[in-house]
PDB file of N, CA and C in Angstrom:
ATOM      1  N   UNK A   1     119.012 108.598 109.305  1.00  0.00           N
ATOM      2  CA  UNK A   1     119.887 108.640 110.454  1.00  0.00           C
ATOM      3  C   UNK A   1     119.940 107.275 111.126  1.00  0.00           C
ATOM      4  N   UNK A   2     121.126 106.910 111.526  1.00  0.00           N
ATOM      5  CA  UNK A   2     121.367 105.630 112.175  1.00  0.00           C
ATOM      6  C   UNK A   2     121.536 105.864 113.673  1.00  0.00           C
ATOM      7  N   UNK A   3     120.980 104.969 114.481  1.00  0.00           N
ATOM      8  CA  UNK A   3     121.191 105.020 115.921  1.00  0.00           C
ATOM      9  C   UNK A   3     121.946 103.776 116.347  1.00  0.00           C
ATOM     10  N   UNK A   4     122.963 103.967 117.174  1.00  0.00           N
ATOM     11  CA  UNK A   4     123.717 102.845 117.727  1.00  0.00           C
ATOM     12  C   UNK A   4     123.826 103.029 119.233  1.00  0.00           C
ATOM     13  N   UNK A   5     124.103 101.938 119.925  1.00  0.00           N
ATOM     14  CA  UNK A   5     124.228 101.966 121.375  1.00  0.00           C
ATOM     15  C   UNK A   5     125.611 101.461 121.763  1.00  0.00           C
ATOM     16  N   UNK A   6     126.187 102.098 122.787  1.00  0.00           N
ATOM     17  CA  UNK A   6     127.478 101.668 123.323  1.00  0.00           C
ATOM     18  C   UNK A   6     127.487 101.986 124.807  1.00  0.00           C
ATOM     19  N   UNK A   7     127.761 100.990 125.642  1.00  0.00           N
ATOM     20  CA  UNK A   7     127.772 101.154 127.105  1.00  0.00           C
ATOM     21  C   UNK A   7     126.466 101.759 127.614  1.00  0.00           C
ATOM     22  N   UNK A   8     125.349 101.287 127.087  1.00  0.00           N
ATOM     23  CA  UNK A   8     124.014 101.741 127.482  1.00  0.00           C
ATOM     24  C   UNK A   8     123.752 103.219 127.182  1.00  0.00           C
ATOM     25  N   UNK A   9     124.500 103.793 126.254  1.00  0.00           N
ATOM     26  CA  UNK A   9     124.290 105.171 125.815  1.00  0.00           C
ATOM     27  C   UNK A   9     123.925 105.118 124.334  1.00  0.00           C
ATOM     28  N   UNK A  10     122.912 105.878 123.943  1.00  0.00           N
ATOM     29  CA  UNK A  10     122.487 105.908 122.546  1.00  0.00           C
ATOM     30  C   UNK A  10     123.181 107.056 121.808  1.00  0.00           C
ATOM     31  N   UNK A  11     123.579 106.758 120.582  1.00  0.00           N
ATOM     32  CA  UNK A  11     124.214 107.746 119.712  1.00  0.00           C
ATOM     33  C   UNK A  11     123.454 107.788 118.396  1.00  0.00           C
ATOM     34  N   UNK A  12     123.344 108.977 117.838  1.00  0.00           N
ATOM     35  CA  UNK A  12     122.684 109.145 116.547  1.00  0.00           C
ATOM     36  C   UNK A  12     123.732 109.622 115.547  1.00  0.00           C
ATOM     37  N   UNK A  13     123.764 108.981 114.382  1.00  0.00           N
ATOM     38  CA  UNK A  13     124.725 109.323 113.344  1.00  0.00           C
ATOM     39  C   UNK A  13     123.998 110.003 112.193  1.00  0.00           C
ATOM     40  N   UNK A  14     124.512 111.142 111.789  1.00  0.00           N
ATOM     41  CA  UNK A  14     123.909 111.892 110.686  1.00  0.00           C
ATOM     42  C   UNK A  14     124.925 112.022 109.562  1.00  0.00           C
ATOM     43  N   UNK A  15     124.591 111.482 108.400  1.00  0.00           N
ATOM     44  CA  UNK A  15     125.488 111.536 107.244  1.00  0.00           C
ATOM     45  C   UNK A  15     125.701 112.984 106.823  1.00  0.00           C
ATOM     46  N   UNK A  16     126.953 113.264 106.427  1.00  0.00           N
ATOM     47  CA  UNK A  16     127.295 114.646 106.095  1.00  0.00           C
ATOM     48  C   UNK A  16     128.500 114.655 105.158  1.00  0.00           C
ATOM     49  N   UNK A  17     128.549 115.594 104.267  1.00  0.00           N
ATOM     50  CA  UNK A  17     129.709 115.816 103.404  1.00  0.00           C
ATOM     51  C   UNK A  17     130.489 116.979 103.999  1.00  0.00           C
ATOM     52  N   UNK A  18     131.718 116.703 104.461  1.00  0.00           N
ATOM     53  CA  UNK A  18     132.557 117.708 105.101  1.00  0.00           C
ATOM     54  C   UNK A  18     133.480 118.318 104.048  1.00  0.00           C
ATOM     55  N   UNK A  19     133.703 119.634 104.122  1.00  0.00           N
ATOM     56  CA  UNK A  19     134.550 120.310 103.131  1.00  0.00           C
ATOM     57  C   UNK A  19     135.980 119.786 103.119  1.00  0.00           C
ATOM     58  N   UNK A  20     136.537 119.499 104.281  1.00  0.00           N
ATOM     59  CA  UNK A  20     137.926 119.086 104.375  1.00  0.00           C
ATOM     60  C   UNK A  20     138.115 117.568 104.339  1.00  0.00           C
ATOM     61  N   UNK A  21     137.231 116.820 105.033  1.00  0.00           N
ATOM     62  CA  UNK A  21     137.420 115.381 105.199  1.00  0.00           C
ATOM     63  C   UNK A  21     136.581 114.515 104.267  1.00  0.00           C
ATOM     64  N   UNK A  22     135.702 115.085 103.508  1.00  0.00           N
ATOM     65  CA  UNK A  22     134.849 114.312 102.609  1.00  0.00           C
ATOM     66  C   UNK A  22     133.634 113.760 103.331  1.00  0.00           C
ATOM     67  N   UNK A  23     133.134 112.616 102.866  1.00  0.00           N
ATOM     68  CA  UNK A  23     131.914 112.040 103.423  1.00  0.00           C
ATOM     69  C   UNK A  23     132.199 111.407 104.787  1.00  0.00           C
ATOM     70  N   UNK A  24     131.197 111.446 105.654  1.00  0.00           N
ATOM     71  CA  UNK A  24     131.290 110.816 106.971  1.00  0.00           C
ATOM     72  C   UNK A  24     130.003 111.033 107.745  1.00  0.00           C
ATOM     73  N   UNK A  25     130.083 110.865 109.055  1.00  0.00           N
ATOM     74  CA  UNK A  25     128.910 111.051 109.908  1.00  0.00           C
ATOM     75  C   UNK A  25     129.255 111.935 111.098  1.00  0.00           C
ATOM     76  N   UNK A  26     128.311 112.784 111.478  1.00  0.00           N
ATOM     77  CA  UNK A  26     128.387 113.505 112.737  1.00  0.00           C
ATOM     78  C   UNK A  26     127.814 112.585 113.801  1.00  0.00           C
ATOM     79  N   UNK A  27     128.466 112.515 114.956  1.00  0.00           N
ATOM     80  CA  UNK A  27     128.042 111.643 116.049  1.00  0.00           C
ATOM     81  C   UNK A  27     127.436 112.499 117.147  1.00  0.00           C
ATOM     82  N   UNK A  28     126.183 112.224 117.479  1.00  0.00           N
ATOM     83  CA  UNK A  28     125.472 112.935 118.544  1.00  0.00           C
ATOM     84  C   UNK A  28     125.195 111.973 119.688  1.00  0.00           C
ATOM     85  N   UNK A  29     125.561 112.348 120.919  1.00  0.00           N
ATOM     86  CA  UNK A  29     125.249 111.549 122.094  1.00  0.00           C
ATOM     87  C   UNK A  29     123.865 111.999 122.563  1.00  0.00           C
ATOM     88  N   UNK A  30     122.897 111.087 122.515  1.00  0.00           N
ATOM     89  CA  UNK A  30     121.533 111.428 122.864  1.00  0.00           C
ATOM     90  C   UNK A  30     121.374 111.587 124.366  1.00  0.00           C
ATOM     91  N   UNK A  31     120.517 112.525 124.763  1.00  0.00           N
ATOM     92  CA  UNK A  31     120.209 112.723 126.176  1.00  0.00           C
ATOM     93  C   UNK A  31     119.386 111.552 126.691  1.00  0.00           C
ATOM     94  N   UNK A  32     119.228 111.466 127.999  1.00  0.00           N
ATOM     95  CA  UNK A  32     118.483 110.377 128.628  1.00  0.00           C
ATOM     96  C   UNK A  32     117.059 110.250 128.122  1.00  0.00           C
ATOM     97  N   UNK A  33     116.447 111.368 127.735  1.00  0.00           N
ATOM     98  CA  UNK A  33     115.072 111.339 127.232  1.00  0.00           C
ATOM     99  C   UNK A  33     115.001 111.085 125.728  1.00  0.00           C
ATOM    100  N   UNK A  34     116.172 110.870 125.106  1.00  0.00           N
ATOM    101  CA  UNK A  34     116.207 110.579 123.677  1.00  0.00           C
ATOM    102  C   UNK A  34     116.344 111.799 122.793  1.00  0.00           C
ATOM    103  N   UNK A  35     116.386 112.980 123.384  1.00  0.00           N
ATOM    104  CA  UNK A  35     116.538 114.190 122.576  1.00  0.00           C
ATOM    105  C   UNK A  35     117.989 114.361 122.151  1.00  0.00           C
ATOM    106  N   UNK A  36     118.169 115.003 121.024  1.00  0.00           N
ATOM    107  CA  UNK A  36     119.498 115.185 120.456  1.00  0.00           C
ATOM    108  C   UNK A  36     120.006 116.596 120.762  1.00  0.00           C
ATOM    109  N   UNK A  37     121.230 116.702 121.301  1.00  0.00           N
ATOM    110  CA  UNK A  37     121.794 118.028 121.546  1.00  0.00           C
ATOM    111  C   UNK A  37     122.111 118.748 120.241  1.00  0.00           C
ATOM    112  N   UNK A  38     122.352 120.021 120.333  1.00  0.00           N
ATOM    113  CA  UNK A  38     122.620 120.851 119.160  1.00  0.00           C
ATOM    114  C   UNK A  38     123.946 120.493 118.484  1.00  0.00           C
ATOM    115  N   UNK A  39     124.988 120.226 119.285  1.00  0.00           N
ATOM    116  CA  UNK A  39     126.324 119.990 118.745  1.00  0.00           C
ATOM    117  C   UNK A  39     126.700 118.509 118.777  1.00  0.00           C
ATOM    118  N   UNK A  40     127.432 118.092 117.752  1.00  0.00           N
ATOM    119  CA  UNK A  40     127.910 116.703 117.699  1.00  0.00           C
ATOM    120  C   UNK A  40     129.163 116.573 118.557  1.00  0.00           C
ATOM    121  N   UNK A  41     129.485 115.323 118.941  1.00  0.00           N
ATOM    122  CA  UNK A  41     130.698 115.099 119.727  1.00  0.00           C
ATOM    123  C   UNK A  41     131.878 114.725 118.835  1.00  0.00           C
ATOM    124  N   UNK A  42     131.606 114.347 117.586  1.00  0.00           N
ATOM    125  CA  UNK A  42     132.692 113.961 116.677  1.00  0.00           C
ATOM    126  C   UNK A  42     132.188 113.895 115.239  1.00  0.00           C
ATOM    127  N   UNK A  43     133.142 113.965 114.320  1.00  0.00           N
ATOM    128  CA  UNK A  43     132.889 113.679 112.913  1.00  0.00           C
ATOM    129  C   UNK A  43     133.772 112.496 112.555  1.00  0.00           C
ATOM    130  N   UNK A  44     133.175 111.428 112.053  1.00  0.00           N
ATOM    131  CA  UNK A  44     133.907 110.225 111.687  1.00  0.00           C
ATOM    132  C   UNK A  44     133.813 110.052 110.174  1.00  0.00           C
ATOM    133  N   UNK A  45     134.949 110.144 109.456  1.00  0.00           N
ATOM    134  CA  UNK A  45     134.925 109.979 108.001  1.00  0.00           C
ATOM    135  C   UNK A  45     134.778 108.521 107.593  1.00  0.00           C
ATOM    136  N   UNK A  46     134.250 108.310 106.407  1.00  0.00           N
ATOM    137  CA  UNK A  46     134.106 106.976 105.831  1.00  0.00           C
ATOM    138  C   UNK A  46     133.695 107.108 104.385  1.00  0.00           C
ATOM    139  N   UNK A  47     133.974 106.086 103.587  1.00  0.00           N
ATOM    140  CA  UNK A  47     133.674 106.193 102.152  1.00  0.00           C
ATOM    141  C   UNK A  47     132.176 106.197 101.868  1.00  0.00           C
ATOM    142  N   UNK A  48     131.381 105.587 102.786  1.00  0.00           N
ATOM    143  CA  UNK A  48     129.923 105.627 102.679  1.00  0.00           C
ATOM    144  C   UNK A  48     129.356 105.521 104.095  1.00  0.00           C
ATOM    145  N   UNK A  49     128.030 105.541 104.223  1.00  0.00           N
ATOM    146  CA  UNK A  49     127.415 105.551 105.553  1.00  0.00           C
ATOM    147  C   UNK A  49     127.712 104.273 106.325  1.00  0.00           C
ATOM    148  N   UNK A  50     127.746 103.144 105.651  1.00  0.00           N
ATOM    149  CA  UNK A  50     128.033 101.875 106.313  1.00  0.00           C
ATOM    150  C   UNK A  50     129.456 101.853 106.870  1.00  0.00           C
ATOM    151  N   UNK A  51     130.422 102.307 106.076  1.00  0.00           N
ATOM    152  CA  UNK A  51     131.815 102.342 106.528  1.00  0.00           C
ATOM    153  C   UNK A  51     131.985 103.325 107.677  1.00  0.00           C
ATOM    154  N   UNK A  52     131.345 104.472 107.589  1.00  0.00           N
ATOM    155  CA  UNK A  52     131.440 105.465 108.657  1.00  0.00           C
ATOM    156  C   UNK A  52     130.794 104.950 109.946  1.00  0.00           C
ATOM    157  N   UNK A  53     129.709 104.185 109.836  1.00  0.00           N
ATOM    158  CA  UNK A  53     129.065 103.599 111.009  1.00  0.00           C
ATOM    159  C   UNK A  53     129.986 102.587 111.671  1.00  0.00           C
ATOM    160  N   UNK A  54     130.637 101.752 110.886  1.00  0.00           N
ATOM    161  CA  UNK A  54     131.585 100.774 111.421  1.00  0.00           C
ATOM    162  C   UNK A  54     132.753 101.482 112.102  1.00  0.00           C
ATOM    163  N   UNK A  55     133.276 102.517 111.469  1.00  0.00           N
ATOM    164  CA  UNK A  55     134.369 103.294 112.059  1.00  0.00           C
ATOM    165  C   UNK A  55     133.928 103.933 113.375  1.00  0.00           C
ATOM    166  N   UNK A  56     132.700 104.410 113.433  1.00  0.00           N
ATOM    167  CA  UNK A  56     132.173 105.035 114.655  1.00  0.00           C
ATOM    168  C   UNK A  56     132.077 104.019 115.781  1.00  0.00           C
ATOM    169  N   UNK A  57     131.599 102.812 115.478  1.00  0.00           N
ATOM    170  CA  UNK A  57     131.506 101.766 116.494  1.00  0.00           C
ATOM    171  C   UNK A  57     132.889 101.437 117.054  1.00  0.00           C
ATOM    172  N   UNK A  58     133.883 101.358 116.189  1.00  0.00           N
ATOM    173  CA  UNK A  58     135.249 101.087 116.633  1.00  0.00           C
ATOM    174  C   UNK A  58     135.787 102.247 117.471  1.00  0.00           C
ATOM    175  N   UNK A  59     135.524 103.470 117.061  1.00  0.00           N
ATOM    176  CA  UNK A  59     135.979 104.654 117.792  1.00  0.00           C
ATOM    177  C   UNK A  59     135.354 104.707 119.183  1.00  0.00           C
ATOM    178  N   UNK A  60     134.061 104.392 119.287  1.00  0.00           N
ATOM    179  CA  UNK A  60     133.390 104.416 120.589  1.00  0.00           C
ATOM    180  C   UNK A  60     134.016 103.398 121.546  1.00  0.00           C
ATOM    181  N   UNK A  61     134.394 102.224 121.037  1.00  0.00           N
ATOM    182  CA  UNK A  61     135.030 101.205 121.881  1.00  0.00           C
ATOM    183  C   UNK A  61     136.362 101.693 122.430  1.00  0.00           C
ATOM    184  N   UNK A  62     137.089 102.487 121.643  1.00  0.00           N
ATOM    185  CA  UNK A  62     138.376 103.014 122.083  1.00  0.00           C
ATOM    186  C   UNK A  62     138.187 104.235 122.980  1.00  0.00           C
ATOM    187  N   UNK A  63     137.317 105.149 122.575  1.00  0.00           N
ATOM    188  CA  UNK A  63     137.127 106.394 123.319  1.00  0.00           C
ATOM    189  C   UNK A  63     136.394 106.190 124.639  1.00  0.00           C
ATOM    190  N   UNK A  64     135.446 105.270 124.668  1.00  0.00           N
ATOM    191  CA  UNK A  64     134.643 105.020 125.863  1.00  0.00           C
ATOM    192  C   UNK A  64     134.632 103.526 126.162  1.00  0.00           C
ATOM    193  N   UNK A  65     135.766 102.975 126.641  1.00  0.00           N
ATOM    194  CA  UNK A  65     135.815 101.532 126.901  1.00  0.00           C
ATOM    195  C   UNK A  65     134.882 101.140 128.044  1.00  0.00           C
ATOM    196  N   UNK A  66     134.418  99.913 127.988  1.00  0.00           N
ATOM    197  CA  UNK A  66     133.570  99.386 129.073  1.00  0.00           C
ATOM    198  C   UNK A  66     134.439  99.244 130.313  1.00  0.00           C
ATOM    199  N   UNK A  67     133.823  99.416 131.471  1.00  0.00           N
ATOM    200  CA  UNK A  67     134.563  99.256 132.715  1.00  0.00           C
ATOM    201  C   UNK A  67     135.002  97.813 132.857  1.00  0.00           C
ATOM    202  N   UNK A  68     136.210  97.635 133.306  1.00  0.00           N
ATOM    203  CA  UNK A  68     136.734  96.290 133.495  1.00  0.00           C
ATOM    204  C   UNK A  68     136.190  95.719 134.801  1.00  0.00           C
ATOM    205  N   UNK A  69     135.738  94.503 134.741  1.00  0.00           N
ATOM    206  CA  UNK A  69     135.222  93.827 135.926  1.00  0.00           C
ATOM    207  C   UNK A  69     136.370  93.038 136.544  1.00  0.00           C
ATOM    208  N   UNK A  70     136.913  93.519 137.645  1.00  0.00           N
ATOM    209  CA  UNK A  70     138.016  92.837 138.318  1.00  0.00           C
ATOM    210  C   UNK A  70     137.518  91.676 139.150  1.00  0.00           C
ATOM    211  N   UNK A  71     138.444  90.793 139.492  1.00  0.00           N
ATOM    212  CA  UNK A  71     138.090  89.669 140.337  1.00  0.00           C
ATOM    213  C   UNK A  71     137.838  90.166 141.750  1.00  0.00           C
ATOM    214  N   UNK A  72     136.846  89.587 142.399  1.00  0.00           N
ATOM    215  CA  UNK A  72     136.574  89.936 143.782  1.00  0.00           C
ATOM    216  C   UNK A  72     137.551  89.193 144.682  1.00  0.00           C
ATOM    217  N   UNK A  73     138.110  89.910 145.624  1.00  0.00           N
ATOM    218  CA  UNK A  73     139.038  89.275 146.571  1.00  0.00           C
ATOM    219  C   UNK A  73     138.260  88.554 147.640  1.00  0.00           C
ATOM    220  N   UNK A  74     138.769  87.398 148.036  1.00  0.00           N
ATOM    221  CA  UNK A  74     138.091  86.600 149.058  1.00  0.00           C
ATOM    222  C   UNK A  74     138.573  86.976 150.429  1.00  0.00           C
TER     223      UNK A  74
END
């Protein structure tokens, strides 16, 4: 299992063969104490674990963008 971080949140990726979509990873958002919930938040397909991990990182950037830091007014 691979763990990645995005916006200070940890995610765990579990490789899986899906009946409809083929190979990919289930994405689990880890709780604050590091425990993994029962259900995944997404399934990201990819030709292998490395490709699915890259796709997941890109998906997280789109689905959960970092907050924009605006200019402070004087």
